[in-house]
C-alpha atoms as a PDB file:
ATOM      1  CA  UNK A   1      93.529  97.762  63.973  1.00  0.00           C
ATOM      2  CA  UNK A   2      93.025  99.883  67.069  1.00  0.00           C
ATOM      3  CA  UNK A   3      90.491  99.298  69.782  1.00  0.00           C
ATOM      4  CA  UNK A   4      88.000 101.556  71.527  1.00  0.00           C
ATOM      5  CA  UNK A   5      89.236 102.110  75.076  1.00  0.00           C
ATOM      6  CA  UNK A   6      87.750 103.921  78.024  1.00  0.00           C
ATOM      7  CA  UNK A   7      90.208 104.958  80.746  1.00  0.00           C
ATOM      8  CA  UNK A   8      89.285 106.050  84.270  1.00  0.00           C
ATOM      9  CA  UNK A   9      92.401 107.268  86.070  1.00  0.00           C
ATOM     10  CA  UNK A  10      92.561 110.031  88.707  1.00  0.00           C
ATOM     11  CA  UNK A  11      96.292 110.708  88.179  1.00  0.00           C
ATOM     12  CA  UNK A  12      97.034 113.238  85.441  1.00  0.00           C
ATOM     13  CA  UNK A  13     100.517 111.774  84.980  1.00  0.00           C
ATOM     14  CA  UNK A  14      99.218 108.237  84.450  1.00  0.00           C
ATOM     15  CA  UNK A  15      96.395 109.485  82.179  1.00  0.00           C
ATOM     16  CA  UNK A  16      98.934 111.325  80.034  1.00  0.00           C
ATOM     17  CA  UNK A  17     101.250 108.316  79.762  1.00  0.00           C
ATOM     18  CA  UNK A  18      98.374 105.978  78.899  1.00  0.00           C
ATOM     19  CA  UNK A  19      97.121 108.463  76.315  1.00  0.00           C
ATOM     20  CA  UNK A  20     100.533 108.623  74.637  1.00  0.00           C
ATOM     21  CA  UNK A  21     101.171 104.877  74.554  1.00  0.00           C
ATOM     22  CA  UNK A  22      97.669 103.748  73.680  1.00  0.00           C
ATOM     23  CA  UNK A  23      96.958 106.336  70.956  1.00  0.00           C
ATOM     24  CA  UNK A  24     100.342 105.702  69.355  1.00  0.00           C
ATOM     25  CA  UNK A  25      99.120 102.190  68.576  1.00  0.00           C
ATOM     26  CA  UNK A  26      96.005 103.455  66.792  1.00  0.00           C
ATOM     27  CA  UNK A  27      93.524 103.027  69.633  1.00  0.00           C
ATOM     28  CA  UNK A  28      90.583 105.377  70.198  1.00  0.00           C
ATOM     29  CA  UNK A  29      90.578 106.669  73.762  1.00  0.00           C
ATOM     30  CA  UNK A  30      87.957 108.229  75.961  1.00  0.00           C
ATOM     31  CA  UNK A  31      89.646 109.335  79.168  1.00  0.00           C
ATOM     32  CA  UNK A  32      88.127 110.359  82.489  1.00  0.00           C
ATOM     33  CA  UNK A  33      89.648 111.455  85.791  1.00  0.00           C
ATOM     34  CA  UNK A  34      86.320 110.986  87.549  1.00  0.00           C
ATOM     35  CA  UNK A  35      84.229 107.825  87.971  1.00  0.00           C
ATOM     36  CA  UNK A  36      80.898 109.689  87.973  1.00  0.00           C
ATOM     37  CA  UNK A  37      81.663 111.349  84.631  1.00  0.00           C
ATOM     38  CA  UNK A  38      82.624 107.971  83.203  1.00  0.00           C
ATOM     39  CA  UNK A  39      79.327 106.466  84.419  1.00  0.00           C
ATOM     40  CA  UNK A  40      77.392 109.290  82.783  1.00  0.00           C
ATOM     41  CA  UNK A  41      79.241 108.722  79.515  1.00  0.00           C
ATOM     42  CA  UNK A  42      78.636 104.965  79.637  1.00  0.00           C
ATOM     43  CA  UNK A  43      74.893 105.704  79.809  1.00  0.00           C
ATOM     44  CA  UNK A  44      74.953 107.729  76.561  1.00  0.00           C
ATOM     45  CA  UNK A  45      73.392 106.065  73.508  1.00  0.00           C
ATOM     46  CA  UNK A  46      76.378 106.666  71.204  1.00  0.00           C
ATOM     47  CA  UNK A  47      78.758 104.919  73.608  1.00  0.00           C
ATOM     48  CA  UNK A  48      76.312 102.058  74.112  1.00  0.00           C
ATOM     49  CA  UNK A  49      75.979 101.695  70.330  1.00  0.00           C
ATOM     50  CA  UNK A  50      79.772 101.419  69.995  1.00  0.00           C
ATOM     51  CA  UNK A  51      80.931 100.192  73.384  1.00  0.00           C
ATOM     52  CA  UNK A  52      84.580 100.186  74.339  1.00  0.00           C
ATOM     53  CA  UNK A  53      86.477  96.971  73.815  1.00  0.00           C
ATOM     54  CA  UNK A  54      88.256  97.589  77.097  1.00  0.00           C
ATOM     55  CA  UNK A  55      87.741  99.706  80.214  1.00  0.00           C
ATOM     56  CA  UNK A  56      90.960 100.442  82.061  1.00  0.00           C
ATOM     57  CA  UNK A  57      90.389 101.807  85.541  1.00  0.00           C
ATOM     58  CA  UNK A  58      92.116 102.524  88.841  1.00  0.00           C
ATOM     59  CA  UNK A  59      90.730 100.344  91.637  1.00  0.00           C
ATOM     60  CA  UNK A  60      91.169 100.978  95.358  1.00  0.00           C
ATOM     61  CA  UNK A  61      89.388  99.129  98.184  1.00  0.00           C
ATOM     62  CA  UNK A  62      88.273 102.431  99.737  1.00  0.00           C
ATOM     63  CA  UNK A  63      86.716 103.788  96.521  1.00  0.00           C
ATOM     64  CA  UNK A  64      83.228 102.464  95.928  1.00  0.00           C
ATOM     65  CA  UNK A  65      82.973 104.439  92.689  1.00  0.00           C
ATOM     66  CA  UNK A  66      85.161 101.931  90.855  1.00  0.00           C
ATOM     67  CA  UNK A  67      82.962  99.085  92.041  1.00  0.00           C
ATOM     68  CA  UNK A  68      79.879 100.996  90.844  1.00  0.00           C
ATOM     69  CA  UNK A  69      81.362 101.300  87.351  1.00  0.00           C
ATOM     70  CA  UNK A  70      82.087  97.563  87.265  1.00  0.00           C
ATOM     71  CA  UNK A  71      78.552  96.756  88.417  1.00  0.00           C
ATOM     72  CA  UNK A  72      77.101  99.070  85.784  1.00  0.00           C
ATOM     73  CA  UNK A  73      79.128  97.432  83.017  1.00  0.00           C
ATOM     74  CA  UNK A  74      78.191  93.956  84.247  1.00  0.00           C
ATOM     75  CA  UNK A  75      74.464  94.745  84.254  1.00  0.00           C
ATOM     76  CA  UNK A  76      74.200  96.212  80.734  1.00  0.00           C
ATOM     77  CA  UNK A  77      73.894  93.832  77.766  1.00  0.00           C
ATOM     78  CA  UNK A  78      75.640  96.326  75.467  1.00  0.00           C
ATOM     79  CA  UNK A  79      78.825  95.932  77.554  1.00  0.00           C
ATOM     80  CA  UNK A  80      78.817  92.122  77.604  1.00  0.00           C
ATOM     81  CA  UNK A  81      81.980  91.903  75.514  1.00  0.00           C
ATOM     82  CA  UNK A  82      83.787  94.815  77.181  1.00  0.00           C
ATOM     83  CA  UNK A  83      86.892  93.632  79.017  1.00  0.00           C
ATOM     84  CA  UNK A  84      87.595  95.328  82.357  1.00  0.00           C
ATOM     85  CA  UNK A  85      91.186  95.855  83.463  1.00  0.00           C
ATOM     86  CA  UNK A  86      91.739  97.088  87.003  1.00  0.00           C
ATOM     87  CA  UNK A  87      94.915  98.940  87.920  1.00  0.00           C
ATOM     88  CA  UNK A  88      95.632  97.950  91.499  1.00  0.00           C
ATOM     89  CA  UNK A  89      98.308  99.317  93.804  1.00  0.00           C
ATOM     90  CA  UNK A  90     100.787  96.710  94.975  1.00  0.00           C
ATOM     91  CA  UNK A  91      99.800  97.216  98.608  1.00  0.00           C
ATOM     92  CA  UNK A  92      96.143  96.466  97.734  1.00  0.00           C
ATOM     93  CA  UNK A  93      96.896  93.182  95.983  1.00  0.00           C
ATOM     94  CA  UNK A  94      95.136  90.271  97.643  1.00  0.00           C
ATOM     95  CA  UNK A  95      92.539  92.467  99.345  1.00  0.00           C
ATOM     96  CA  UNK A  96      89.351  90.461  99.981  1.00  0.00           C
ATOM     97  CA  UNK A  97      87.149  92.929  98.067  1.00  0.00           C
ATOM     98  CA  UNK A  98      89.346  92.591  95.012  1.00  0.00           C
ATOM     99  CA  UNK A  99      89.410  88.820  95.151  1.00  0.00           C
ATOM    100  CA  UNK A 100      85.589  88.693  95.106  1.00  0.00           C
ATOM    101  CA  UNK A 101      85.300  91.413  92.469  1.00  0.00           C
ATOM    102  CA  UNK A 102      87.858  89.785  90.191  1.00  0.00           C
ATOM    103  CA  UNK A 103      86.128  86.451  90.479  1.00  0.00           C
ATOM    104  CA  UNK A 104      82.539  87.675  90.052  1.00  0.00           C
ATOM    105  CA  UNK A 105      83.021  90.390  87.438  1.00  0.00           C
ATOM    106  CA  UNK A 106      85.936  88.725  85.660  1.00  0.00           C
ATOM    107  CA  UNK A 107      88.167  91.763  86.073  1.00  0.00           C
ATOM    108  CA  UNK A 108      91.686  91.380  84.735  1.00  0.00           C
ATOM    109  CA  UNK A 109      94.210  93.044  87.024  1.00  0.00           C
ATOM    110  CA  UNK A 110      97.469  94.863  86.493  1.00  0.00           C
ATOM    111  CA  UNK A 111      99.467  95.457  89.645  1.00  0.00           C
ATOM    112  CA  UNK A 112     101.246  98.811  89.828  1.00  0.00           C
ATOM    113  CA  UNK A 113     103.949  99.294  88.885  1.00  0.00           C
ATOM    114  CA  UNK A 114     103.298  97.425  85.655  1.00  0.00           C
ATOM    115  CA  UNK A 115     105.109  97.247  82.343  1.00  0.00           C
ATOM    116  CA  UNK A 116     103.428  99.046  79.480  1.00  0.00           C
ATOM    117  CA  UNK A 117     104.063  95.927  77.367  1.00  0.00           C
ATOM    118  CA  UNK A 118     101.736  93.949  79.657  1.00  0.00           C
ATOM    119  CA  UNK A 119      99.002  96.522  79.155  1.00  0.00           C
ATOM    120  CA  UNK A 120      99.523  96.503  75.396  1.00  0.00           C
ATOM    121  CA  UNK A 121      99.195  92.700  75.372  1.00  0.00           C
ATOM    122  CA  UNK A 122      95.871  92.959  77.196  1.00  0.00           C
ATOM    123  CA  UNK A 123      94.622  95.639  74.814  1.00  0.00           C
ATOM    124  CA  UNK A 124      95.451  93.690  71.685  1.00  0.00           C
ATOM    125  CA  UNK A 125      94.434  90.259  72.935  1.00  0.00           C
ATOM    126  CA  UNK A 126      91.109  89.133  71.468  1.00  0.00           C
END
């Protein structure tokens, strides 16, 4: 059975690839290029009533918007069981901000470039 997924990815190419692979496996996707639009959607009652199982998002140390989304998800009881997967560029791996964020918010990370099989394992892991 597919999962409800919310994707926040600025790159059109990556969004398209994720859309193809994740929908092909029966998942329901809500995709955003912009963090602010994703935050607005996460505040809507229908999304809070049926929260995503997983939020997949691009994380960069210089982008506070990604951190704001993680904080929002962490503070809302309706998103308690939503898993957060951060896509992190290889050069940003080990950055102090990420280490703290991963530890405190329990963010699972995928280091780019990653294998789509690794993402699929995270999506279908319960």
